């Protein structure tokens, strides 16, 4: 007995042979209905769990890299903002000290 596996591909001649057998057993209308429900694409085109796992890992790595870049920008913005506050406070204090003298 031949076990089905995801790596098996079905040739057109095998599909035709299957249709002929089904047609004899079930009649042509039922055979056509059943054959229409069977996939006609190559099973190697299907996405596997390992494909999804690899894609997920790549996506997480890319996201982590992008997140690191965003964090760097936020850190630079924070430093620039804090520097601006320090300069503003220093200027204001200097201005008031100049007024008192």
C-alpha atoms as a PDB file:
ATOM      1  CA  UNK A   1       0.000   0.000   0.000  1.00  0.00           C
ATOM      2  CA  UNK A   2       1.332   3.423  -0.983  1.00  0.00           C
ATOM      3  CA  UNK A   3       1.150   6.037   1.797  1.00  0.00           C
ATOM      4  CA  UNK A   4       0.456   9.618   0.800  1.00  0.00           C
ATOM      5  CA  UNK A   5       3.062  12.224   1.708  1.00  0.00           C
ATOM      6  CA  UNK A   6       3.303  15.962   1.197  1.00  0.00           C
ATOM      7  CA  UNK A   7       6.261  15.448  -1.141  1.00  0.00           C
ATOM      8  CA  UNK A   8       4.310  13.307  -3.608  1.00  0.00           C
ATOM      9  CA  UNK A   9       3.229  14.958  -6.805  1.00  0.00           C
ATOM     10  CA  UNK A  10       0.467  13.631  -8.998  1.00  0.00           C
ATOM     11  CA  UNK A  11       1.045  13.515 -12.727  1.00  0.00           C
ATOM     12  CA  UNK A  12      -1.694  14.325 -15.182  1.00  0.00           C
ATOM     13  CA  UNK A  13      -1.741  10.702 -16.335  1.00  0.00           C
ATOM     14  CA  UNK A  14      -2.291   9.560 -12.729  1.00  0.00           C
ATOM     15  CA  UNK A  15      -5.124  12.080 -12.342  1.00  0.00           C
ATOM     16  CA  UNK A  16      -6.663  10.855 -15.607  1.00  0.00           C
ATOM     17  CA  UNK A  17      -6.383   7.245 -14.426  1.00  0.00           C
ATOM     18  CA  UNK A  18      -8.038   8.189 -11.139  1.00  0.00           C
ATOM     19  CA  UNK A  19     -10.846   9.938 -12.997  1.00  0.00           C
ATOM     20  CA  UNK A  20     -11.423   6.871 -15.177  1.00  0.00           C
ATOM     21  CA  UNK A  21     -11.596   4.612 -12.113  1.00  0.00           C
ATOM     22  CA  UNK A  22     -13.942   6.970 -10.310  1.00  0.00           C
ATOM     23  CA  UNK A  23     -16.069   7.361 -13.409  1.00  0.00           C
ATOM     24  CA  UNK A  24     -16.510   3.588 -13.645  1.00  0.00           C
ATOM     25  CA  UNK A  25     -17.280   3.329  -9.945  1.00  0.00           C
ATOM     26  CA  UNK A  26     -19.362   6.459  -9.321  1.00  0.00           C
ATOM     27  CA  UNK A  27     -20.363   7.681 -12.752  1.00  0.00           C
ATOM     28  CA  UNK A  28     -18.904  10.591 -14.741  1.00  0.00           C
ATOM     29  CA  UNK A  29     -20.817  13.387 -12.972  1.00  0.00           C
ATOM     30  CA  UNK A  30     -19.734  12.295  -9.491  1.00  0.00           C
ATOM     31  CA  UNK A  31     -16.208  11.618 -10.712  1.00  0.00           C
ATOM     32  CA  UNK A  32     -15.963  15.154 -12.125  1.00  0.00           C
ATOM     33  CA  UNK A  33     -17.314  16.605  -8.857  1.00  0.00           C
ATOM     34  CA  UNK A  34     -14.755  14.682  -6.818  1.00  0.00           C
ATOM     35  CA  UNK A  35     -11.864  15.513  -9.164  1.00  0.00           C
ATOM     36  CA  UNK A  36     -12.797  19.204  -9.023  1.00  0.00           C
ATOM     37  CA  UNK A  37     -12.370  19.055  -5.241  1.00  0.00           C
ATOM     38  CA  UNK A  38      -8.842  17.656  -5.497  1.00  0.00           C
ATOM     39  CA  UNK A  39      -5.994  20.177  -5.665  1.00  0.00           C
ATOM     40  CA  UNK A  40      -4.318  20.521  -9.036  1.00  0.00           C
ATOM     41  CA  UNK A  41      -1.287  22.400  -7.734  1.00  0.00           C
ATOM     42  CA  UNK A  42       2.073  20.991  -6.822  1.00  0.00           C
ATOM     43  CA  UNK A  43       2.180  20.219  -3.110  1.00  0.00           C
ATOM     44  CA  UNK A  44       5.682  21.675  -2.930  1.00  0.00           C
ATOM     45  CA  UNK A  45       3.990  25.083  -3.321  1.00  0.00           C
ATOM     46  CA  UNK A  46       2.256  24.678   0.031  1.00  0.00           C
ATOM     47  CA  UNK A  47       3.561  26.544   3.056  1.00  0.00           C
ATOM     48  CA  UNK A  48       4.788  24.263   5.819  1.00  0.00           C
ATOM     49  CA  UNK A  49       5.031  24.848   9.551  1.00  0.00           C
ATOM     50  CA  UNK A  50       8.798  25.111   9.211  1.00  0.00           C
ATOM     51  CA  UNK A  51       8.339  27.778   6.494  1.00  0.00           C
ATOM     52  CA  UNK A  52       6.138  29.757   8.880  1.00  0.00           C
ATOM     53  CA  UNK A  53       8.598  29.292  11.743  1.00  0.00           C
ATOM     54  CA  UNK A  54      11.460  30.563   9.583  1.00  0.00           C
ATOM     55  CA  UNK A  55       9.386  33.530   8.398  1.00  0.00           C
ATOM     56  CA  UNK A  56       8.431  34.320  11.990  1.00  0.00           C
ATOM     57  CA  UNK A  57      12.070  34.223  13.099  1.00  0.00           C
ATOM     58  CA  UNK A  58      13.107  36.514  10.238  1.00  0.00           C
ATOM     59  CA  UNK A  59      10.251  38.889  11.019  1.00  0.00           C
ATOM     60  CA  UNK A  60      11.144  38.997  14.725  1.00  0.00           C
ATOM     61  CA  UNK A  61      14.803  39.672  13.888  1.00  0.00           C
ATOM     62  CA  UNK A  62      13.827  42.488  11.519  1.00  0.00           C
ATOM     63  CA  UNK A  63      11.411  43.933  14.080  1.00  0.00           C
ATOM     64  CA  UNK A  64      14.084  43.769  16.787  1.00  0.00           C
ATOM     65  CA  UNK A  65      16.510  45.604  14.501  1.00  0.00           C
ATOM     66  CA  UNK A  66      13.923  48.256  13.632  1.00  0.00           C
ATOM     67  CA  UNK A  67      12.984  48.615  17.286  1.00  0.00           C
ATOM     68  CA  UNK A  68      16.633  49.164  18.190  1.00  0.00           C
ATOM     69  CA  UNK A  69      16.827  51.944  15.589  1.00  0.00           C
ATOM     70  CA  UNK A  70      13.677  53.565  16.996  1.00  0.00           C
ATOM     71  CA  UNK A  71      15.087  53.341  20.526  1.00  0.00           C
ATOM     72  CA  UNK A  72      18.277  55.041  19.345  1.00  0.00           C
ATOM     73  CA  UNK A  73      16.254  57.874  17.808  1.00  0.00           C
ATOM     74  CA  UNK A  74      14.190  58.260  20.971  1.00  0.00           C
ATOM     75  CA  UNK A  75      17.364  58.377  23.072  1.00  0.00           C
ATOM     76  CA  UNK A  76      18.819  61.095  20.814  1.00  0.00           C
ATOM     77  CA  UNK A  77      15.583  63.076  20.956  1.00  0.00           C
ATOM     78  CA  UNK A  78      15.507  62.774  24.755  1.00  0.00           C
ATOM     79  CA  UNK A  79      19.119  63.982  25.046  1.00  0.00           C
ATOM     80  CA  UNK A  80      18.467  66.899  22.683  1.00  0.00           C
ATOM     81  CA  UNK A  81      15.326  67.871  24.606  1.00  0.00           C
ATOM     82  CA  UNK A  82      17.050  67.659  27.986  1.00  0.00           C
ATOM     83  CA  UNK A  83      20.003  69.659  26.658  1.00  0.00           C
ATOM     84  CA  UNK A  84      17.567  72.297  25.436  1.00  0.00           C
ATOM     85  CA  UNK A  85      15.925  72.452  28.880  1.00  0.00           C
ATOM     86  CA  UNK A  86      19.288  72.794  30.624  1.00  0.00           C
ATOM     87  CA  UNK A  87      20.337  75.614  28.269  1.00  0.00           C
ATOM     88  CA  UNK A  88      16.951  77.331  28.699  1.00  0.00           C
ATOM     89  CA  UNK A  89      17.135  77.116  32.490  1.00  0.00           C
ATOM     90  CA  UNK A  90      20.742  78.326  32.480  1.00  0.00           C
ATOM     91  CA  UNK A  91      19.855  81.255  30.255  1.00  0.00           C
ATOM     92  CA  UNK A  92      16.857  82.172  32.424  1.00  0.00           C
ATOM     93  CA  UNK A  93      18.896  81.972  35.638  1.00  0.00           C
ATOM     94  CA  UNK A  94      21.680  84.026  34.032  1.00  0.00           C
ATOM     95  CA  UNK A  95      19.148  86.610  32.903  1.00  0.00           C
ATOM     96  CA  UNK A  96      17.680  86.980  36.405  1.00  0.00           C
ATOM     97  CA  UNK A  97      21.130  87.135  37.997  1.00  0.00           C
ATOM     98  CA  UNK A  98      22.059  89.916  35.567  1.00  0.00           C
ATOM     99  CA  UNK A  99      18.910  91.813  36.544  1.00  0.00           C
ATOM    100  CA  UNK A 100      19.743  91.544  40.245  1.00  0.00           C
ATOM    101  CA  UNK A 101      23.202  93.030  39.799  1.00  0.00           C
END
